[in-house]
Protein backbone atom coordinates (compact mmCIF):
# COMPACT_ATOMS: atom_id res chain seq x y z
CA MET A 1 -67.55 81.83 68.45
CA THR A 2 -68.30 78.30 69.76
CA GLN A 3 -65.55 76.32 71.49
CA ALA A 4 -65.59 72.50 72.54
CA PHE A 5 -65.12 72.30 76.42
CA GLU A 6 -64.00 69.26 77.99
CA THR A 7 -66.71 67.45 80.51
CA SER A 8 -65.86 67.15 84.18
CA GLN A 9 -65.67 63.35 85.72
CA PRO A 10 -65.73 63.69 89.70
CA ASP A 11 -62.04 61.80 90.02
CA VAL A 12 -60.27 62.97 86.82
CA PRO A 13 -57.89 65.93 87.14
CA SER A 14 -59.05 68.52 85.25
CA THR A 15 -57.24 71.48 83.74
CA LEU A 16 -60.12 73.71 84.64
CA LEU A 17 -59.41 73.24 88.45
CA GLY A 18 -55.40 73.53 88.32
CA GLY A 19 -54.95 69.82 87.90
CA LEU A 20 -57.35 68.83 90.65
CA SER A 21 -60.54 66.47 90.39
CA PRO A 22 -63.84 67.87 90.80
CA ALA A 23 -63.97 65.64 94.00
CA GLN A 24 -60.98 67.13 95.36
CA PHE A 25 -61.78 70.60 94.32
CA MET A 26 -65.30 70.09 96.50
CA ARG A 27 -63.24 68.48 99.52
CA ARG A 28 -60.52 71.00 99.48
CA HIS A 29 -62.02 74.33 98.19
CA TRP A 30 -65.47 74.66 97.58
CA GLN A 31 -67.17 76.79 100.44
CA LYS A 32 -63.75 76.94 102.14
CA LYS A 33 -60.79 78.67 100.54
CA PRO A 34 -59.95 80.55 97.22
CA LEU A 35 -58.13 78.79 94.29
CA LEU A 36 -56.17 80.33 91.76
CA ILE A 37 -56.00 78.48 88.54
CA ARG A 38 -53.51 79.60 85.85
CA ALA A 39 -54.71 78.62 82.00
CA ALA A 40 -57.54 77.13 83.40
CA VAL A 41 -58.82 77.14 79.62
CA PRO A 42 -55.92 77.20 77.80
CA GLY A 43 -55.94 79.57 74.48
CA PHE A 44 -59.40 80.66 75.83
CA GLN A 45 -61.20 83.11 73.17
CA PRO A 46 -63.99 85.15 74.10
CA LEU A 47 -67.29 84.02 73.34
CA LEU A 48 -68.48 87.22 72.09
CA THR A 49 -67.16 90.31 70.75
CA ARG A 50 -67.41 93.62 72.61
CA GLN A 51 -69.91 94.59 69.91
CA GLN A 52 -72.33 91.75 70.38
CA LEU A 53 -72.03 92.18 74.43
CA PHE A 54 -72.92 96.11 73.95
CA GLU A 55 -75.44 94.66 71.84
CA MET A 56 -77.15 92.47 73.89
CA ALA A 57 -77.27 95.57 76.74
CA THR A 58 -79.79 97.18 74.61
CA ASP A 59 -82.31 94.36 75.07
CA GLU A 60 -85.12 94.84 77.10
CA ALA A 61 -85.02 91.04 77.93
CA VAL A 62 -81.37 91.25 79.32
CA GLU A 63 -80.15 92.42 82.61
CA SER A 64 -77.50 95.00 82.53
CA ARG A 65 -76.08 97.93 84.56
CA LEU A 66 -73.40 100.65 83.98
CA ILE A 67 -71.11 101.29 86.63
CA VAL A 68 -69.01 104.47 86.55
CA ARG A 69 -66.23 105.38 89.17
CA GLN A 70 -65.27 109.11 89.31
CA GLY A 71 -62.85 109.87 91.87
CA ALA A 72 -64.23 108.98 95.18
CA GLY A 73 -67.89 108.58 93.79
CA TRP A 74 -69.96 105.79 91.94
CA THR A 75 -73.13 106.02 89.82
CA LEU A 76 -75.09 103.10 88.73
CA ARG A 77 -77.69 102.94 85.85
CA GLN A 78 -79.93 99.80 85.30
CA GLY A 79 -80.64 98.71 81.42
CA PRO A 80 -81.36 98.42 78.77
CA LEU A 81 -78.33 100.37 77.59
CA GLY A 82 -78.07 102.00 74.47
CA ARG A 83 -74.80 102.50 73.24
CA SER A 84 -75.05 105.94 72.89
CA SER A 85 -75.36 106.17 76.66
CA LEU A 86 -72.21 104.60 77.40
CA PRO A 87 -68.93 106.61 78.13
CA PRO A 88 -66.18 106.58 75.73
CA LEU A 89 -64.22 103.57 75.31
CA LYS A 90 -60.88 105.04 76.24
CA GLN A 91 -62.69 107.06 79.25
CA ALA A 92 -61.24 105.54 82.48
CA GLY A 93 -63.57 103.68 85.49
CA TRP A 94 -66.43 102.54 83.95
CA THR A 95 -67.98 98.62 83.70
CA MET A 96 -70.80 97.19 82.20
CA LEU A 97 -72.13 94.37 83.41
CA VAL A 98 -74.55 91.89 81.65
CA GLN A 99 -76.39 89.23 83.60
CA GLY A 100 -77.52 85.74 82.52
CA VAL A 101 -75.95 85.70 78.94
CA ASP A 102 -76.01 81.79 79.30
CA GLN A 103 -80.27 82.07 78.81
CA HIS A 104 -79.30 84.06 75.54
CA VAL A 105 -76.18 82.77 73.98
CA ASP A 106 -75.38 79.11 73.30
CA ALA A 107 -71.87 79.33 73.49
CA ALA A 108 -71.99 80.71 77.04
CA HIS A 109 -74.32 78.03 78.17
CA GLU A 110 -71.96 75.60 77.12
CA LEU A 111 -69.13 76.88 79.28
CA LEU A 112 -71.38 76.79 82.01
CA GLN A 113 -72.05 73.34 81.58
CA ARG A 114 -68.09 72.43 82.57
CA PHE A 115 -69.21 73.56 86.36
CA ARG A 116 -71.98 71.01 86.70
CA PHE A 117 -69.58 68.87 88.92
CA VAL A 118 -71.95 71.13 91.36
CA PRO A 119 -75.56 70.18 91.63
CA ASP A 120 -77.71 72.21 89.05
CA ALA A 121 -80.02 73.08 92.13
CA ARG A 122 -76.63 75.35 92.86
CA LEU A 123 -75.82 76.90 89.50
CA ASP A 124 -76.95 80.05 88.56
CA ASP A 125 -75.69 81.97 85.97
CA LEU A 126 -72.81 83.44 83.72
CA MET A 127 -72.43 87.00 84.11
CA ILE A 128 -69.97 89.14 81.89
CA SER A 129 -68.42 92.39 82.49
CA TRP A 130 -66.36 94.73 80.34
CA ALA A 131 -64.19 97.33 81.98
CA SER A 132 -62.18 100.22 80.54
CA ASP A 133 -59.18 100.74 82.25
CA GLY A 134 -59.56 101.31 86.15
CA GLY A 135 -62.72 99.86 85.83
CA GLY A 136 -64.52 97.83 88.63
CA VAL A 137 -67.04 97.45 90.91
CA GLY A 138 -65.37 98.47 94.07
CA PRO A 139 -64.26 96.44 97.18
CA HIS A 140 -67.06 93.87 97.81
CA PHE A 141 -68.24 90.32 99.09
CA ASP A 142 -70.71 88.09 97.48
CA SER A 143 -73.14 85.62 99.51
CA TYR A 144 -72.23 82.82 96.94
CA ASP A 145 -69.62 80.99 95.45
CA VAL A 146 -68.16 82.38 92.21
CA PHE A 147 -65.39 81.51 89.54
CA LEU A 148 -63.70 84.54 87.93
CA LEU A 149 -62.67 83.51 84.51
CA GLN A 150 -60.76 86.23 82.42
CA ALA A 151 -61.50 86.53 78.92
CA THR A 152 -59.72 89.30 77.46
CA GLY A 153 -57.14 91.81 78.75
CA LYS A 154 -55.94 91.76 82.35
CA ARG A 155 -57.54 92.48 85.92
CA HIS A 156 -56.03 93.04 89.23
CA TRP A 157 -57.52 91.20 92.13
CA ARG A 158 -57.17 91.76 95.63
CA ILE A 159 -58.97 89.36 98.00
CA GLY A 160 -59.36 88.87 101.67
CA ARG A 161 -61.28 87.46 104.33
CA GLN A 162 -63.44 90.14 105.67
CA THR A 163 -64.53 91.01 109.45
CA ASP A 164 -65.67 94.19 109.02
CA PHE A 165 -68.84 94.03 106.66
CA SER A 166 -70.01 97.61 107.01
CA LEU A 167 -70.60 99.46 103.53
CA GLN A 168 -69.99 102.72 102.34
CA PRO A 169 -73.03 105.22 102.81
CA ASP A 170 -74.68 106.89 100.13
CA VAL A 171 -73.30 104.80 97.57
CA PRO A 172 -75.51 102.76 94.98
CA LEU A 173 -73.09 99.90 95.31
CA LYS A 174 -72.45 97.61 98.02
CA VAL A 175 -68.67 98.98 98.55
CA LEU A 176 -67.04 97.75 101.54
CA SER A 177 -65.98 100.98 103.76
CA HIS A 178 -62.75 99.09 105.04
CA PHE A 179 -61.02 96.28 103.00
CA GLU A 180 -58.14 94.73 104.01
CA PRO A 181 -56.65 92.40 101.23
CA GLU A 182 -54.45 89.53 102.07
CA GLU A 183 -53.87 88.58 98.72
CA GLU A 184 -53.06 90.09 95.15
CA HIS A 185 -53.21 88.61 91.60
CA LEU A 186 -53.30 89.77 88.13
CA LEU A 187 -55.14 87.40 85.80
CA GLY A 188 -54.80 87.12 81.88
CA PRO A 189 -57.09 85.77 79.12
CA GLY A 190 -57.55 81.82 80.54
CA ASP A 191 -56.75 82.35 83.97
CA MET A 192 -59.25 82.16 86.86
CA LEU A 193 -60.21 82.91 90.14
CA TYR A 194 -62.64 80.59 92.54
CA LEU A 195 -63.93 82.66 95.61
CA PRO A 196 -66.07 80.81 98.23
CA PRO A 197 -68.63 83.10 99.70
CA ARG A 198 -68.16 86.35 101.86
CA TRP A 199 -64.49 86.50 100.87
CA ALA A 200 -63.97 90.16 99.72
CA HIS A 201 -62.41 91.01 96.35
CA ASP A 202 -61.74 94.22 94.53
CA GLY A 203 -60.93 93.54 90.66
CA VAL A 204 -59.63 96.59 88.56
CA ALA A 205 -59.33 96.74 84.90
CA VAL A 206 -55.44 96.69 83.60
CA GLY A 207 -55.26 98.53 80.60
CA GLY A 208 -58.73 98.77 78.98
CA ASP A 209 -60.79 96.10 77.17
CA CYS A 210 -60.86 93.93 80.17
CA THR A 211 -63.66 91.27 80.13
CA THR A 212 -64.22 88.79 83.01
CA TYR A 213 -66.81 86.17 82.88
CA SER A 214 -68.21 85.38 86.23
CA ILE A 215 -70.01 81.87 86.80
CA GLY A 216 -72.33 82.28 89.88
CA PHE A 217 -74.29 79.61 92.11
CA ARG A 218 -77.14 79.92 93.83
CA ALA A 219 -77.83 80.26 97.60
CA PRO A 220 -81.31 79.89 98.80
CA GLN A 221 -82.11 82.17 101.65
CA ARG A 222 -83.61 79.96 104.32
CA GLY A 223 -86.71 82.74 105.23
CA GLY A 224 -87.03 83.02 101.63
CA LEU A 225 -87.18 79.48 100.34
CA ALA A 226 -89.50 78.74 103.25
CA GLY A 227 -91.85 81.33 101.93
CA GLU A 228 -91.69 80.20 98.28
CA LEU A 229 -92.31 76.90 99.49
CA LEU A 230 -95.37 77.23 101.79
CA GLN A 231 -96.96 79.54 99.29
CA ARG A 232 -96.96 76.77 96.81
CA MET A 233 -97.66 74.21 99.14
CA ALA A 234 -100.66 76.00 100.45
CA ASP A 235 -101.87 76.74 96.98
CA GLU A 236 -102.05 73.02 96.21
CA LEU A 237 -103.68 71.88 99.35
CA GLN A 238 -107.19 70.89 99.65
CA ASP A 239 -108.24 70.98 103.14
CA ASP A 240 -111.46 72.71 103.88
CA THR A 241 -111.83 72.17 107.43
CA LEU A 242 -113.41 75.04 109.12
CA TYR A 243 -112.35 76.40 112.58
CA ARG A 244 -115.02 75.47 115.23
CA ASP A 245 -115.13 76.25 118.81
CA PRO A 246 -118.48 75.07 120.38
CA ARG A 247 -116.96 75.75 123.73
CA GLN A 248 -115.93 79.14 123.56
CA PRO A 249 -117.35 80.82 126.64
CA ALA A 250 -118.30 84.53 126.91
CA THR A 251 -115.68 86.84 127.01
CA THR A 252 -114.43 90.08 128.66
CA ASN A 253 -111.47 90.45 126.62
CA PRO A 254 -112.92 90.32 123.07
CA ALA A 255 -109.68 91.31 121.54
CA ALA A 256 -107.58 88.55 122.87
CA MET A 257 -106.45 86.10 120.25
CA PRO A 258 -108.25 82.72 121.26
CA THR A 259 -105.90 79.98 122.00
CA ALA A 260 -108.07 77.43 119.97
CA LEU A 261 -107.27 79.40 117.11
CA HIS A 262 -103.52 79.58 117.96
CA ASP A 263 -104.08 76.09 118.08
CA PHE A 264 -105.83 75.52 114.85
CA ALA A 265 -103.41 77.55 112.78
CA LEU A 266 -100.16 75.27 114.36
CA ASP A 267 -102.35 72.20 113.56
CA ALA A 268 -102.56 73.44 110.00
CA LEU A 269 -99.22 74.02 109.15
CA GLN A 270 -97.85 70.95 111.02
CA ARG A 271 -100.51 68.93 108.69
CA LEU A 272 -99.21 71.14 105.48
CA LEU A 273 -95.33 70.18 106.49
CA ALA A 274 -95.93 66.77 107.29
CA ASP A 275 -96.91 66.10 103.40
CA ARG A 276 -93.20 65.31 102.31
CA ARG A 277 -94.80 64.40 98.88
CA SER A 278 -96.09 68.19 98.37
CA LEU A 279 -92.77 69.55 100.12
CA ALA A 280 -90.99 67.64 97.57
CA CYS A 281 -92.88 68.88 94.57
CA ALA A 282 -92.81 72.32 95.86
CA LEU A 283 -88.98 72.29 96.76
CA GLY A 284 -88.42 70.98 92.93
CA GLU A 285 -90.46 73.65 91.35
CA VAL A 286 -88.93 76.49 92.99
CA MET A 287 -85.63 75.64 92.14
CA THR A 288 -86.59 74.65 88.27
CA GLU A 289 -88.67 78.13 88.18
CA PRO A 290 -87.36 79.75 85.02
CA LYS A 291 -85.83 83.51 85.91
CA PRO A 292 -87.68 86.64 84.98
CA ARG A 293 -87.52 87.77 81.75
CA ILE A 294 -87.26 84.43 80.44
CA TRP A 295 -89.98 83.12 77.95
CA PHE A 296 -90.00 79.99 75.71
CA ASP A 297 -91.00 80.17 71.99
CA GLU A 298 -93.46 77.45 70.76
CA ALA A 299 -91.89 74.92 68.55
CA SER A 300 -91.96 76.02 64.87
CA GLY A 301 -91.99 72.55 63.28
CA SER A 302 -94.28 69.40 64.15
CA TRP A 303 -93.28 67.12 66.51
CA THR A 304 -91.28 63.73 65.06
CA PRO A 305 -90.06 61.30 67.43
CA GLY A 306 -86.23 61.59 67.33
CA ALA A 307 -82.91 62.95 68.98
CA LEU A 308 -83.68 66.06 71.60
CA ARG A 309 -82.03 68.19 73.70
CA LEU A 310 -83.16 70.68 76.33
CA ASP A 311 -82.99 74.11 75.47
CA ARG A 312 -80.68 76.30 77.13
CA ARG A 313 -83.12 78.16 78.87
CA THR A 314 -84.55 75.21 80.51
CA ARG A 315 -84.16 74.05 84.19
CA MET A 316 -84.76 70.31 84.87
CA MET A 317 -83.83 68.30 88.11
CA TYR A 318 -85.16 65.23 89.44
CA ASP A 319 -85.70 63.46 92.67
CA GLU A 320 -86.27 59.91 93.84
CA HIS A 321 -90.16 60.07 92.98
CA HIS A 322 -90.34 62.96 90.52
CA VAL A 323 -89.03 65.00 87.59
CA PHE A 324 -89.16 68.49 87.70
CA ILE A 325 -88.98 71.13 84.51
CA ASN A 326 -89.24 74.88 84.54
CA GLY A 327 -91.21 75.13 87.73
CA GLU A 328 -93.65 72.08 87.10
CA SER A 329 -93.34 68.82 88.82
CA PHE A 330 -94.21 65.07 87.44
CA ARG A 331 -94.43 62.09 89.19
CA ALA A 332 -91.96 59.11 87.57
CA GLY A 333 -91.34 55.59 88.02
CA GLY A 334 -89.45 52.75 86.30
CA ALA A 335 -88.13 52.98 82.86
CA ASP A 336 -89.59 56.51 82.26
CA ALA A 337 -87.94 57.85 85.78
CA ARG A 338 -84.88 56.78 84.45
CA LEU A 339 -84.99 57.98 80.82
CA MET A 340 -86.33 61.60 82.21
CA ARG A 341 -83.15 61.63 84.85
CA LYS A 342 -80.92 60.70 81.86
CA LEU A 343 -82.45 63.46 79.92
CA ALA A 344 -81.95 66.01 82.87
CA ASP A 345 -78.31 64.86 83.67
CA ARG A 346 -77.25 64.79 79.76
CA ARG A 347 -79.73 67.41 78.51
CA VAL A 348 -79.81 65.20 75.60
CA LEU A 349 -81.75 61.99 74.25
CA ALA A 350 -80.39 59.81 71.35
CA ASP A 351 -82.58 59.39 68.43
CA ARG A 352 -83.12 55.54 69.91
CA GLU A 353 -83.89 56.38 73.69
CA VAL A 354 -86.59 58.48 72.39
CA LYS A 355 -88.23 56.02 69.98
CA GLN A 356 -88.07 53.23 72.67
CA ALA A 357 -89.52 55.52 75.05
CA SER A 358 -93.37 54.49 76.40
CA GLU A 359 -96.48 56.04 75.03
CA ASP A 360 -96.90 58.02 77.91
CA ALA A 361 -93.07 59.23 78.00
CA ARG A 362 -93.32 60.38 74.39
CA ALA A 363 -96.83 62.28 75.01
CA LEU A 364 -94.78 64.38 77.93
CA LEU A 365 -91.59 64.88 75.33
CA GLN A 366 -93.83 66.06 72.94
CA ASP A 367 -95.80 68.69 75.23
CA TRP A 368 -92.50 69.64 76.34
CA PHE A 369 -91.08 70.29 72.78
CA GLU A 370 -94.08 71.94 71.37
CA ALA A 371 -94.05 74.26 74.63
CA GLY A 372 -90.37 75.25 73.54
CA TRP A 373 -88.68 73.13 76.60
CA LEU A 374 -87.12 70.77 74.08
CA ARG A 375 -85.40 71.19 70.87
CA GLN A 376 -84.56 68.50 67.80
CA ALA A 377 -80.72 67.54 67.96
CA PHE A 378 -78.72 65.39 66.30
CA THR A 379 -76.90 62.63 68.40
CA ARG A 380 -75.33 59.36 67.79
């Protein structure tokens, strides 16, 4: 069921944020402290039925997990999950998680757009969890920000700042050994809870048929990001300079690493990192790279210049000199750059904007349309 969601403006109070404007929320709560929001989405209706969600979990292209708690023990099973492999609905203590629903369902993608007061480079995905009575994943913490929107049923949350992050041994989940809650909240449909990184939380379904939507954010790990950037930059580097050592004397320690070779390697890295344009391209490409299991279908119709919208799976961003889309980078300036930035920010272009674009810009839009990154749209 598709619903119409308001678009947040930085200084306009938002029901989604409990009457705070996005600017106030970012100053007071983002990465700082939790926020409980009653009726964040008044009259909210689930975007998928239980049957539709369970059907998604059977798809190999969708990441899903089944978590069952029996006494003090836990079991974890990775999808795809056939309906016959799930416990009975009335069996207590089990949860099914379906990741990246926004990549597959337009209504979920539309809901995610309400959280674009945070940069797209940080916005990750929408996960849906369904739980029977008493179902949950145990007390844990995330390394990223999350909004927890209740869709159906009720969930009891316990949250707290955690100092002891030790985990229970021999458990297939990252369950905290010593969870110390500070607050407790019971959420019903339309209620939402925001949690900053590393705030421990434990959500338990109350009464069954409990569905929670988790809006998660990306938090690149410094070492991992550096590795990805260096790999991309090195792949594009065109430098065939060979190491030379005409003054290397005869040695009695052949296994010792030559100091000159160390200096040569250091110089190579410094030259690589000094190329700011290459670094900017690599960063944009990494941050817009489609997720695993995501692919695009080529356009079925022919290209006709007109209103366009980004496919829900497309990631598009920009910086001062470039436009990035689905792991590729393009140099852009002038009117073409302004047009592409408008497309990235709004995710749509009106008919007149496409028809007034330069020949080069239209050619690029046509390439993206034929690749399935863009779709025809109807705008005024």
